[in-house]
Amino acid sequence: MVDVVMADHCPNTSSCALFPLISKPGFLRVWQINYCEGDYARCERFKRSCGGSDVPATLLPNGEDLTANLPKK
């Protein structure tokens, strides 16, 4: 595990692959307030990146998959 010094905002914000996938600005803003600009140490994306694990683009900060509840084609 990598030791992390907590900043005001997540250091991965500028490169987060999730942002372009969320088409509703209001929904994105809720994630940003609660994780990116808040307690980002609890973000599953952040935890995985610090641990050296792959971070799927569709992984939400709460650990759920963005596409999990979409209708199957």
C-alpha atoms as a PDB file:
ATOM      1  CA  MET A   1       0.000   0.000   0.000  1.00  0.00           C
ATOM      2  CA  VAL A   2       1.226   3.464  -0.856  1.00  0.00           C
ATOM      3  CA  ASP A   3       1.233   6.158   1.834  1.00  0.00           C
ATOM      4  CA  VAL A   4      -0.893   9.069   0.660  1.00  0.00           C
ATOM      5  CA  VAL A   5      -0.924  12.630   1.923  1.00  0.00           C
ATOM      6  CA  MET A   6      -4.503  13.873   1.769  1.00  0.00           C
ATOM      7  CA  ALA A   7      -5.096  16.992  -0.305  1.00  0.00           C
ATOM      8  CA  ASP A   8      -8.259  19.023  -0.707  1.00  0.00           C
ATOM      9  CA  HIS A   9      -9.095  17.267  -3.958  1.00  0.00           C
ATOM     10  CA  CYS A  10      -8.311  13.857  -5.372  1.00  0.00           C
ATOM     11  CA  PRO A  11      -5.003  13.923  -7.241  1.00  0.00           C
ATOM     12  CA  ASN A  12      -6.565  11.761  -9.987  1.00  0.00           C
ATOM     13  CA  THR A  13      -9.368  14.206 -10.824  1.00  0.00           C
ATOM     14  CA  SER A  14      -7.783  15.589 -13.986  1.00  0.00           C
ATOM     15  CA  SER A  15      -7.227  12.116 -15.448  1.00  0.00           C
ATOM     16  CA  CYS A  16     -10.303  10.254 -14.192  1.00  0.00           C
ATOM     17  CA  ALA A  17     -11.709   8.143 -17.042  1.00  0.00           C
ATOM     18  CA  LEU A  18     -15.147   8.083 -15.426  1.00  0.00           C
ATOM     19  CA  PHE A  19     -15.953  11.758 -15.992  1.00  0.00           C
ATOM     20  CA  PRO A  20     -16.556  11.590 -19.772  1.00  0.00           C
ATOM     21  CA  LEU A  21     -18.823   8.544 -19.305  1.00  0.00           C
ATOM     22  CA  ILE A  22     -21.380  10.342 -17.133  1.00  0.00           C
ATOM     23  CA  SER A  23     -23.594  12.304 -19.494  1.00  0.00           C
ATOM     24  CA  LYS A  24     -25.736  14.082 -16.891  1.00  0.00           C
ATOM     25  CA  PRO A  25     -23.779  17.014 -15.386  1.00  0.00           C
ATOM     26  CA  GLY A  26     -25.871  16.905 -12.197  1.00  0.00           C
ATOM     27  CA  PHE A  27     -25.028  13.265 -11.555  1.00  0.00           C
ATOM     28  CA  LEU A  28     -21.340  13.874 -12.204  1.00  0.00           C
ATOM     29  CA  ARG A  29     -21.367  16.826  -9.832  1.00  0.00           C
ATOM     30  CA  VAL A  30     -22.819  14.681  -7.023  1.00  0.00           C
ATOM     31  CA  TRP A  31     -19.968  12.161  -7.416  1.00  0.00           C
ATOM     32  CA  GLN A  32     -17.417  14.975  -7.524  1.00  0.00           C
ATOM     33  CA  ILE A  33     -18.735  16.660  -4.373  1.00  0.00           C
ATOM     34  CA  ASN A  34     -18.972  13.430  -2.383  1.00  0.00           C
ATOM     35  CA  TYR A  35     -15.726  11.846  -3.506  1.00  0.00           C
ATOM     36  CA  CYS A  36     -13.353  13.974  -5.637  1.00  0.00           C
ATOM     37  CA  GLU A  37     -13.739  17.106  -3.537  1.00  0.00           C
ATOM     38  CA  GLY A  38     -14.651  15.342  -0.337  1.00  0.00           C
ATOM     39  CA  ASP A  39     -13.419  12.171   1.289  1.00  0.00           C
ATOM     40  CA  TYR A  40     -11.720  10.762  -1.804  1.00  0.00           C
ATOM     41  CA  ALA A  41      -9.813   8.164   0.234  1.00  0.00           C
ATOM     42  CA  ARG A  42     -13.037   6.140   0.327  1.00  0.00           C
ATOM     43  CA  CYS A  43     -13.328   6.184  -3.482  1.00  0.00           C
ATOM     44  CA  GLU A  44     -12.849   2.704  -4.930  1.00  0.00           C
ATOM     45  CA  ARG A  45     -11.207   4.194  -8.018  1.00  0.00           C
ATOM     46  CA  PHE A  46      -8.671   6.024  -5.857  1.00  0.00           C
ATOM     47  CA  LYS A  47      -8.016   2.980  -3.662  1.00  0.00           C
ATOM     48  CA  ARG A  48      -7.365   0.751  -6.662  1.00  0.00           C
ATOM     49  CA  SER A  49      -5.065   3.258  -8.342  1.00  0.00           C
ATOM     50  CA  CYS A  50      -3.031   3.661  -5.135  1.00  0.00           C
ATOM     51  CA  GLY A  51      -2.831  -0.095  -4.771  1.00  0.00           C
ATOM     52  CA  GLY A  52      -1.550  -0.532  -8.312  1.00  0.00           C
ATOM     53  CA  SER A  53      -4.668  -2.352  -9.494  1.00  0.00           C
ATOM     54  CA  ASP A  54      -6.437  -1.792 -12.784  1.00  0.00           C
ATOM     55  CA  VAL A  55      -9.285   0.707 -12.579  1.00  0.00           C
ATOM     56  CA  PRO A  56     -12.114  -0.104 -14.985  1.00  0.00           C
ATOM     57  CA  ALA A  57     -13.431   3.040 -16.681  1.00  0.00           C
ATOM     58  CA  THR A  58     -16.974   2.177 -15.574  1.00  0.00           C
ATOM     59  CA  LEU A  59     -16.122   1.662 -11.889  1.00  0.00           C
ATOM     60  CA  LEU A  60     -18.061   4.160  -9.790  1.00  0.00           C
ATOM     61  CA  PRO A  61     -16.520   5.682  -6.652  1.00  0.00           C
ATOM     62  CA  ASN A  62     -18.816   3.549  -4.484  1.00  0.00           C
ATOM     63  CA  GLY A  63     -17.486   0.344  -6.086  1.00  0.00           C
ATOM     64  CA  GLU A  64     -20.488  -0.349  -8.312  1.00  0.00           C
ATOM     65  CA  ASP A  65     -20.258  -0.634 -12.086  1.00  0.00           C
ATOM     66  CA  LEU A  66     -21.814   2.189 -14.120  1.00  0.00           C
ATOM     67  CA  THR A  67     -23.216  -0.298 -16.633  1.00  0.00           C
ATOM     68  CA  ALA A  68     -24.544  -2.859 -14.144  1.00  0.00           C
ATOM     69  CA  ASN A  69     -28.170  -1.703 -14.281  1.00  0.00           C
ATOM     70  CA  LEU A  70     -28.375  -0.846 -17.960  1.00  0.00           C
ATOM     71  CA  PRO A  71     -30.813  -2.910 -20.031  1.00  0.00           C
ATOM     72  CA  LYS A  72     -29.172  -5.800 -21.875  1.00  0.00           C
ATOM     73  CA  LYS A  73     -29.165  -5.534 -25.668  1.00  0.00           C
END
